[in-house]
Amino acid sequence: MGMVKKLSKTGTSYSVILDKTLMQLLSITPDTLLEVKTDGKSLILTPIVQPERDDSALDPKFQAALAKSKRKFGTAYKRLAE
């Protein structure tokens, strides 16, 4: 038998809390995107592996502008992404 979980109320929705041990087993972090599917009886969560982004291939002027933007607005970007 697997792990038994109960839904938790989160605002107007419900969520399943993933324990640290389970996240480590799956090699996922809070930033990992998960694909959610169902077969009609089960819920299937699959981590989406995204390729590493290579900023060194970007134009140096764009890199500088990106770095400046992250410094100035990084906190706002994170809040918008939530």
PDB file of N, CA and C in Angstrom:
ATOM      1  N   MET A   1       0.846  -1.181   0.000  1.00  0.00           N
ATOM      2  CA  MET A   1       0.000   0.000   0.000  1.00  0.00           C
ATOM      3  C   MET A   1       0.884   1.235   0.000  1.00  0.00           C
ATOM      4  N   GLY A   2       0.482   2.246  -0.737  1.00  0.00           N
ATOM      5  CA  GLY A   2       1.246   3.480  -0.814  1.00  0.00           C
ATOM      6  C   GLY A   2       0.926   4.427   0.328  1.00  0.00           C
ATOM      7  N   MET A   3       1.344   5.633   0.164  1.00  0.00           N
ATOM      8  CA  MET A   3       1.125   6.684   1.139  1.00  0.00           C
ATOM      9  C   MET A   3      -0.345   7.133   1.097  1.00  0.00           C
ATOM     10  N   VAL A   4      -0.926   7.435   2.243  1.00  0.00           N
ATOM     11  CA  VAL A   4      -2.301   7.929   2.305  1.00  0.00           C
ATOM     12  C   VAL A   4      -2.251   9.424   2.595  1.00  0.00           C
ATOM     13  N   LYS A   5      -2.941  10.205   1.778  1.00  0.00           N
ATOM     14  CA  LYS A   5      -2.954  11.662   1.924  1.00  0.00           C
ATOM     15  C   LYS A   5      -4.389  12.151   1.996  1.00  0.00           C
ATOM     16  N   LYS A   6      -4.572  13.282   2.641  1.00  0.00           N
ATOM     17  CA  LYS A   6      -5.873  13.929   2.731  1.00  0.00           C
ATOM     18  C   LYS A   6      -5.743  15.303   2.084  1.00  0.00           C
ATOM     19  N   LEU A   7      -6.791  15.749   1.402  1.00  0.00           N
ATOM     20  CA  LEU A   7      -6.762  17.074   0.782  1.00  0.00           C
ATOM     21  C   LEU A   7      -6.754  18.163   1.854  1.00  0.00           C
ATOM     22  N   SER A   8      -6.028  19.238   1.570  1.00  0.00           N
ATOM     23  CA  SER A   8      -5.966  20.390   2.461  1.00  0.00           C
ATOM     24  C   SER A   8      -6.643  21.570   1.786  1.00  0.00           C
ATOM     25  N   LYS A   9      -7.404  22.340   2.542  1.00  0.00           N
ATOM     26  CA  LYS A   9      -8.071  23.536   2.009  1.00  0.00           C
ATOM     27  C   LYS A   9      -7.011  24.612   1.796  1.00  0.00           C
ATOM     28  N   THR A  10      -6.981  25.174   0.586  1.00  0.00           N
ATOM     29  CA  THR A  10      -6.046  26.236   0.233  1.00  0.00           C
ATOM     30  C   THR A  10      -6.852  27.323  -0.472  1.00  0.00           C
ATOM     31  N   GLY A  11      -7.239  28.355   0.265  1.00  0.00           N
ATOM     32  CA  GLY A  11      -8.091  29.392  -0.320  1.00  0.00           C
ATOM     33  C   GLY A  11      -9.428  28.791  -0.702  1.00  0.00           C
ATOM     34  N   THR A  12      -9.796  28.923  -1.974  1.00  0.00           N
ATOM     35  CA  THR A  12     -11.056  28.341  -2.447  1.00  0.00           C
ATOM     36  C   THR A  12     -10.828  27.003  -3.149  1.00  0.00           C
ATOM     37  N   SER A  13      -9.602  26.487  -3.067  1.00  0.00           N
ATOM     38  CA  SER A  13      -9.248  25.222  -3.715  1.00  0.00           C
ATOM     39  C   SER A  13      -8.789  24.218  -2.669  1.00  0.00           C
ATOM     40  N   TYR A  14      -8.392  23.050  -3.141  1.00  0.00           N
ATOM     41  CA  TYR A  14      -7.847  22.008  -2.281  1.00  0.00           C
ATOM     42  C   TYR A  14      -6.511  21.561  -2.848  1.00  0.00           C
ATOM     43  N   SER A  15      -5.616  21.110  -1.968  1.00  0.00           N
ATOM     44  CA  SER A  15      -4.294  20.708  -2.422  1.00  0.00           C
ATOM     45  C   SER A  15      -3.859  19.418  -1.727  1.00  0.00           C
ATOM     46  N   VAL A  16      -2.887  18.763  -2.337  1.00  0.00           N
ATOM     47  CA  VAL A  16      -2.242  17.597  -1.752  1.00  0.00           C
ATOM     48  C   VAL A  16      -0.842  18.042  -1.368  1.00  0.00           C
ATOM     49  N   ILE A  17      -0.468  17.831  -0.134  1.00  0.00           N
ATOM     50  CA  ILE A  17       0.855  18.226   0.345  1.00  0.00           C
ATOM     51  C   ILE A  17       1.841  17.094   0.083  1.00  0.00           C
ATOM     52  N   LEU A  18       2.934  17.418  -0.596  1.00  0.00           N
ATOM     53  CA  LEU A  18       3.984  16.434  -0.864  1.00  0.00           C
ATOM     54  C   LEU A  18       5.078  16.572   0.189  1.00  0.00           C
ATOM     55  N   ASP A  19       5.358  15.501   0.900  1.00  0.00           N
ATOM     56  CA  ASP A  19       6.401  15.508   1.921  1.00  0.00           C
ATOM     57  C   ASP A  19       7.773  15.675   1.291  1.00  0.00           C
ATOM     58  N   LYS A  20       8.706  16.192   2.085  1.00  0.00           N
ATOM     59  CA  LYS A  20      10.068  16.401   1.618  1.00  0.00           C
ATOM     60  C   LYS A  20      10.679  15.086   1.108  1.00  0.00           C
ATOM     61  N   THR A  21      10.425  14.004   1.819  1.00  0.00           N
ATOM     62  CA  THR A  21      10.970  12.698   1.433  1.00  0.00           C
ATOM     63  C   THR A  21      10.485  12.286   0.049  1.00  0.00           C
ATOM     64  N   LEU A  22       9.197  12.482  -0.222  1.00  0.00           N
ATOM     65  CA  LEU A  22       8.635  12.143  -1.526  1.00  0.00           C
ATOM     66  C   LEU A  22       9.232  13.023  -2.618  1.00  0.00           C
ATOM     67  N   MET A  23       9.405  14.309  -2.325  1.00  0.00           N
ATOM     68  CA  MET A  23      10.001  15.226  -3.305  1.00  0.00           C
ATOM     69  C   MET A  23      11.439  14.833  -3.607  1.00  0.00           C
ATOM     70  N   GLN A  24      12.178  14.439  -2.579  1.00  0.00           N
ATOM     71  CA  GLN A  24      13.559  13.998  -2.792  1.00  0.00           C
ATOM     72  C   GLN A  24      13.589  12.719  -3.624  1.00  0.00           C
ATOM     73  N   LEU A  25      12.677  11.797  -3.360  1.00  0.00           N
ATOM     74  CA  LEU A  25      12.601  10.548  -4.110  1.00  0.00           C
ATOM     75  C   LEU A  25      12.372  10.820  -5.593  1.00  0.00           C
ATOM     76  N   LEU A  26      11.540  11.814  -5.899  1.00  0.00           N
ATOM     77  CA  LEU A  26      11.230  12.167  -7.285  1.00  0.00           C
ATOM     78  C   LEU A  26      12.205  13.186  -7.876  1.00  0.00           C
ATOM     79  N   SER A  27      13.147  13.653  -7.063  1.00  0.00           N
ATOM     80  CA  SER A  27      14.115  14.682  -7.485  1.00  0.00           C
ATOM     81  C   SER A  27      13.393  15.927  -8.000  1.00  0.00           C
ATOM     82  N   ILE A  28      12.387  16.395  -7.234  1.00  0.00           N
ATOM     83  CA  ILE A  28      11.677  17.610  -7.601  1.00  0.00           C
ATOM     84  C   ILE A  28      11.828  18.647  -6.503  1.00  0.00           C
ATOM     85  N   THR A  29      11.604  19.896  -6.868  1.00  0.00           N
ATOM     86  CA  THR A  29      11.649  21.022  -5.940  1.00  0.00           C
ATOM     87  C   THR A  29      10.313  21.759  -6.037  1.00  0.00           C
ATOM     88  N   PRO A  30      10.086  22.745  -5.168  1.00  0.00           N
ATOM     89  CA  PRO A  30       8.849  23.531  -5.293  1.00  0.00           C
ATOM     90  C   PRO A  30       8.726  24.241  -6.645  1.00  0.00           C
ATOM     91  N   ASP A  31       9.831  24.427  -7.353  1.00  0.00           N
ATOM     92  CA  ASP A  31       9.807  25.093  -8.658  1.00  0.00           C
ATOM     93  C   ASP A  31       9.564  24.139  -9.829  1.00  0.00           C
ATOM     94  N   THR A  32       9.577  22.833  -9.571  1.00  0.00           N
ATOM     95  CA  THR A  32       9.383  21.853 -10.635  1.00  0.00           C
ATOM     96  C   THR A  32       7.942  21.905 -11.152  1.00  0.00           C
ATOM     97  N   LEU A  33       7.799  22.002 -12.466  1.00  0.00           N
ATOM     98  CA  LEU A  33       6.470  21.946 -13.064  1.00  0.00           C
ATOM     99  C   LEU A  33       6.008  20.492 -13.086  1.00  0.00           C
ATOM    100  N   LEU A  34       4.730  20.271 -12.788  1.00  0.00           N
ATOM    101  CA  LEU A  34       4.174  18.927 -12.788  1.00  0.00           C
ATOM    102  C   LEU A  34       3.027  18.850 -13.784  1.00  0.00           C
ATOM    103  N   GLU A  35       3.053  17.828 -14.625  1.00  0.00           N
ATOM    104  CA  GLU A  35       1.930  17.571 -15.528  1.00  0.00           C
ATOM    105  C   GLU A  35       0.900  16.788 -14.725  1.00  0.00           C
ATOM    106  N   VAL A  36      -0.364  17.219 -14.776  1.00  0.00           N
ATOM    107  CA  VAL A  36      -1.440  16.561 -14.041  1.00  0.00           C
ATOM    108  C   VAL A  36      -2.357  15.879 -15.045  1.00  0.00           C
ATOM    109  N   LYS A  37      -2.509  14.558 -14.889  1.00  0.00           N
ATOM    110  CA  LYS A  37      -3.381  13.779 -15.776  1.00  0.00           C
ATOM    111  C   LYS A  37      -4.250  12.883 -14.911  1.00  0.00           C
ATOM    112  N   THR A  38      -5.278  12.355 -15.534  1.00  0.00           N
ATOM    113  CA  THR A  38      -6.114  11.369 -14.867  1.00  0.00           C
ATOM    114  C   THR A  38      -6.525  10.308 -15.874  1.00  0.00           C
ATOM    115  N   ASP A  39      -6.730   9.101 -15.358  1.00  0.00           N
ATOM    116  CA  ASP A  39      -7.268   8.028 -16.201  1.00  0.00           C
ATOM    117  C   ASP A  39      -8.740   7.819 -15.881  1.00  0.00           C
ATOM    118  N   GLY A  40      -9.315   8.741 -15.133  1.00  0.00           N
ATOM    119  CA  GLY A  40     -10.710   8.652 -14.725  1.00  0.00           C
ATOM    120  C   GLY A  40     -10.886   8.096 -13.326  1.00  0.00           C
ATOM    121  N   LYS A  41      -9.846   7.414 -12.826  1.00  0.00           N
ATOM    122  CA  LYS A  41      -9.903   6.847 -11.472  1.00  0.00           C
ATOM    123  C   LYS A  41      -8.725   7.281 -10.615  1.00  0.00           C
ATOM    124  N   SER A  42      -7.620   7.603 -11.261  1.00  0.00           N
ATOM    125  CA  SER A  42      -6.402   7.973 -10.546  1.00  0.00           C
ATOM    126  C   SER A  42      -5.901   9.326 -11.022  1.00  0.00           C
ATOM    127  N   LEU A  43      -5.214   9.999 -10.135  1.00  0.00           N
ATOM    128  CA  LEU A  43      -4.564  11.258 -10.465  1.00  0.00           C
ATOM    129  C   LEU A  43      -3.092  10.949 -10.695  1.00  0.00           C
ATOM    130  N   ILE A  44      -2.543  11.430 -11.799  1.00  0.00           N
ATOM    131  CA  ILE A  44      -1.153  11.132 -12.151  1.00  0.00           C
ATOM    132  C   ILE A  44      -0.380  12.433 -12.257  1.00  0.00           C
ATOM    133  N   LEU A  45       0.636  12.598 -11.410  1.00  0.00           N
ATOM    134  CA  LEU A  45       1.504  13.773 -11.429  1.00  0.00           C
ATOM    135  C   LEU A  45       2.854  13.348 -11.980  1.00  0.00           C
ATOM    136  N   THR A  46       3.315  14.028 -13.028  1.00  0.00           N
ATOM    137  CA  THR A  46       4.589  13.690 -13.651  1.00  0.00           C
ATOM    138  C   THR A  46       5.454  14.938 -13.734  1.00  0.00           C
ATOM    139  N   PRO A  47       6.671  14.899 -13.158  1.00  0.00           N
ATOM    140  CA  PRO A  47       7.560  16.064 -13.263  1.00  0.00           C
ATOM    141  C   PRO A  47       7.898  16.350 -14.723  1.00  0.00           C
ATOM    142  N   ILE A  48       7.918  17.613 -15.074  1.00  0.00           N
ATOM    143  CA  ILE A  48       8.303  18.032 -16.418  1.00  0.00           C
ATOM    144  C   ILE A  48       9.765  18.458 -16.351  1.00  0.00           C
ATOM    145  N   VAL A  49      10.602  17.758 -17.087  1.00  0.00           N
ATOM    146  CA  VAL A  49      12.032  18.070 -17.105  1.00  0.00           C
ATOM    147  C   VAL A  49      12.263  19.111 -18.187  1.00  0.00           C
ATOM    148  N   GLN A  50      12.727  20.269 -17.760  1.00  0.00           N
ATOM    149  CA  GLN A  50      12.995  21.346 -18.707  1.00  0.00           C
ATOM    150  C   GLN A  50      14.496  21.441 -18.939  1.00  0.00           C
ATOM    151  N   PRO A  51      14.911  21.668 -20.179  1.00  0.00           N
ATOM    152  CA  PRO A  51      16.340  21.797 -20.450  1.00  0.00           C
ATOM    153  C   PRO A  51      16.905  23.038 -19.750  1.00  0.00           C
ATOM    154  N   GLU A  52      18.149  22.930 -19.329  1.00  0.00           N
ATOM    155  CA  GLU A  52      18.824  24.070 -18.710  1.00  0.00           C
ATOM    156  C   GLU A  52      18.948  25.200 -19.719  1.00  0.00           C
ATOM    157  N   ARG A  53      18.697  26.414 -19.273  1.00  0.00           N
ATOM    158  CA  ARG A  53      18.811  27.574 -20.153  1.00  0.00           C
ATOM    159  C   ARG A  53      20.249  28.074 -20.130  1.00  0.00           C
ATOM    160  N   ASP A  54      20.810  28.317 -21.287  1.00  0.00           N
ATOM    161  CA  ASP A  54      22.190  28.791 -21.406  1.00  0.00           C
ATOM    162  C   ASP A  54      22.174  30.269 -21.758  1.00  0.00           C
ATOM    163  N   ASP A  55      22.233  31.133 -20.713  1.00  0.00           N
ATOM    164  CA  ASP A  55      22.218  32.575 -20.939  1.00  0.00           C
ATOM    165  C   ASP A  55      23.482  33.073 -21.633  1.00  0.00           C
ATOM    166  N   SER A  56      24.548  32.261 -21.629  1.00  0.00           N
ATOM    167  CA  SER A  56      25.794  32.712 -22.259  1.00  0.00           C
ATOM    168  C   SER A  56      25.649  32.824 -23.774  1.00  0.00           C
ATOM    169  N   ALA A  57      24.634  32.161 -24.339  1.00  0.00           N
ATOM    170  CA  ALA A  57      24.426  32.226 -25.785  1.00  0.00           C
ATOM    171  C   ALA A  57      23.687  33.503 -26.188  1.00  0.00           C
ATOM    172  N   LEU A  58      23.211  34.272 -25.212  1.00  0.00           N
ATOM    173  CA  LEU A  58      22.478  35.505 -25.504  1.00  0.00           C
ATOM    174  C   LEU A  58      23.437  36.650 -25.810  1.00  0.00           C
ATOM    175  N   ASP A  59      22.942  37.609 -26.544  1.00  0.00           N
ATOM    176  CA  ASP A  59      23.700  38.818 -26.850  1.00  0.00           C
ATOM    177  C   ASP A  59      24.136  39.494 -25.541  1.00  0.00           C
ATOM    178  N   PRO A  60      25.385  39.946 -25.423  1.00  0.00           N
ATOM    179  CA  PRO A  60      25.880  40.568 -24.187  1.00  0.00           C
ATOM    180  C   PRO A  60      25.043  41.769 -23.729  1.00  0.00           C
ATOM    181  N   LYS A  61      24.543  42.573 -24.670  1.00  0.00           N
ATOM    182  CA  LYS A  61      23.711  43.718 -24.283  1.00  0.00           C
ATOM    183  C   LYS A  61      22.392  43.237 -23.674  1.00  0.00           C
ATOM    184  N   PHE A  62      21.846  42.185 -24.255  1.00  0.00           N
ATOM    185  CA  PHE A  62      20.605  41.624 -23.725  1.00  0.00           C
ATOM    186  C   PHE A  62      20.848  41.017 -22.352  1.00  0.00           C
ATOM    187  N   GLN A  63      21.991  40.322 -22.171  1.00  0.00           N
ATOM    188  CA  GLN A  63      22.346  39.744 -20.869  1.00  0.00           C
ATOM    189  C   GLN A  63      22.401  40.825 -19.803  1.00  0.00           C
ATOM    190  N   ALA A  64      23.017  41.958 -20.135  1.00  0.00           N
ATOM    191  CA  ALA A  64      23.137  43.058 -19.181  1.00  0.00           C
ATOM    192  C   ALA A  64      21.755  43.619 -18.833  1.00  0.00           C
ATOM    193  N   ALA A  65      20.913  43.791 -19.838  1.00  0.00           N
ATOM    194  CA  ALA A  65      19.560  44.307 -19.603  1.00  0.00           C
ATOM    195  C   ALA A  65      18.744  43.319 -18.766  1.00  0.00           C
ATOM    196  N   LEU A  66      18.899  42.025 -19.039  1.00  0.00           N
ATOM    197  CA  LEU A  66      18.191  40.998 -18.291  1.00  0.00           C
ATOM    198  C   LEU A  66      18.633  40.998 -16.822  1.00  0.00           C
ATOM    199  N   ALA A  67      19.929  41.083 -16.590  1.00  0.00           N
ATOM    200  CA  ALA A  67      20.457  41.116 -15.226  1.00  0.00           C
ATOM    201  C   ALA A  67      19.943  42.343 -14.475  1.00  0.00           C
ATOM    202  N   LYS A  68      19.931  43.504 -15.138  1.00  0.00           N
ATOM    203  CA  LYS A  68      19.442  44.733 -14.514  1.00  0.00           C
ATOM    204  C   LYS A  68      17.959  44.609 -14.174  1.00  0.00           C
ATOM    205  N   SER A  69      17.194  44.034 -15.091  1.00  0.00           N
ATOM    206  CA  SER A  69      15.762  43.840 -14.873  1.00  0.00           C
ATOM    207  C   SER A  69      15.515  42.902 -13.697  1.00  0.00           C
ATOM    208  N   LYS A  70      16.293  41.813 -13.603  1.00  0.00           N
ATOM    209  CA  LYS A  70      16.137  40.857 -12.498  1.00  0.00           C
ATOM    210  C   LYS A  70      16.462  41.519 -11.157  1.00  0.00           C
ATOM    211  N   ARG A  71      17.515  42.340 -11.128  1.00  0.00           N
ATOM    212  CA  ARG A  71      17.875  43.031  -9.889  1.00  0.00           C
ATOM    213  C   ARG A  71      16.767  43.981  -9.456  1.00  0.00           C
ATOM    214  N   LYS A  72      16.235  44.724 -10.411  1.00  0.00           N
ATOM    215  CA  LYS A  72      15.266  45.766 -10.096  1.00  0.00           C
ATOM    216  C   LYS A  72      13.863  45.204  -9.823  1.00  0.00           C
ATOM    217  N   PHE A  73      13.459  44.201 -10.607  1.00  0.00           N
ATOM    218  CA  PHE A  73      12.080  43.725 -10.530  1.00  0.00           C
ATOM    219  C   PHE A  73      11.942  42.246 -10.160  1.00  0.00           C
ATOM    220  N   GLY A  74      13.040  41.604  -9.723  1.00  0.00           N
ATOM    221  CA  GLY A  74      13.020  40.165  -9.437  1.00  0.00           C
ATOM    222  C   GLY A  74      11.920  39.740  -8.485  1.00  0.00           C
ATOM    223  N   THR A  75      11.728  40.488  -7.405  1.00  0.00           N
ATOM    224  CA  THR A  75      10.698  40.147  -6.424  1.00  0.00           C
ATOM    225  C   THR A  75       9.309  40.229  -7.055  1.00  0.00           C
ATOM    226  N   ALA A  76       9.078  41.257  -7.836  1.00  0.00           N
ATOM    227  CA  ALA A  76       7.776  41.410  -8.506  1.00  0.00           C
ATOM    228  C   ALA A  76       7.550  40.272  -9.507  1.00  0.00           C
ATOM    229  N   TYR A  77       8.588  39.876 -10.240  1.00  0.00           N
ATOM    230  CA  TYR A  77       8.463  38.765 -11.193  1.00  0.00           C
ATOM    231  C   TYR A  77       8.042  37.487 -10.463  1.00  0.00           C
ATOM    232  N   LYS A  78       8.662  37.218  -9.303  1.00  0.00           N
ATOM    233  CA  LYS A  78       8.337  36.004  -8.538  1.00  0.00           C
ATOM    234  C   LYS A  78       6.887  36.040  -8.075  1.00  0.00           C
ATOM    235  N   ARG A  79       6.436  37.194  -7.587  1.00  0.00           N
ATOM    236  CA  ARG A  79       5.039  37.311  -7.119  1.00  0.00           C
ATOM    237  C   ARG A  79       4.065  37.133  -8.273  1.00  0.00           C
ATOM    238  N   LEU A  80       4.389  37.686  -9.443  1.00  0.00           N
ATOM    239  CA  LEU A  80       3.520  37.537 -10.600  1.00  0.00           C
ATOM    240  C   LEU A  80       3.435  36.083 -11.064  1.00  0.00           C
ATOM    241  N   ALA A  81       4.522  35.349 -10.884  1.00  0.00           N
ATOM    242  CA  ALA A  81       4.564  33.963 -11.341  1.00  0.00           C
ATOM    243  C   ALA A  81       3.741  33.033 -10.446  1.00  0.00           C
ATOM    244  N   GLU A  82       3.418  33.463  -9.237  1.00  0.00           N
ATOM    245  CA  GLU A  82       2.664  32.606  -8.310  1.00  0.00           C
ATOM    246  C   GLU A  82       1.216  32.495  -8.663  1.00  0.00           C
TER     247      GLU A  82
END
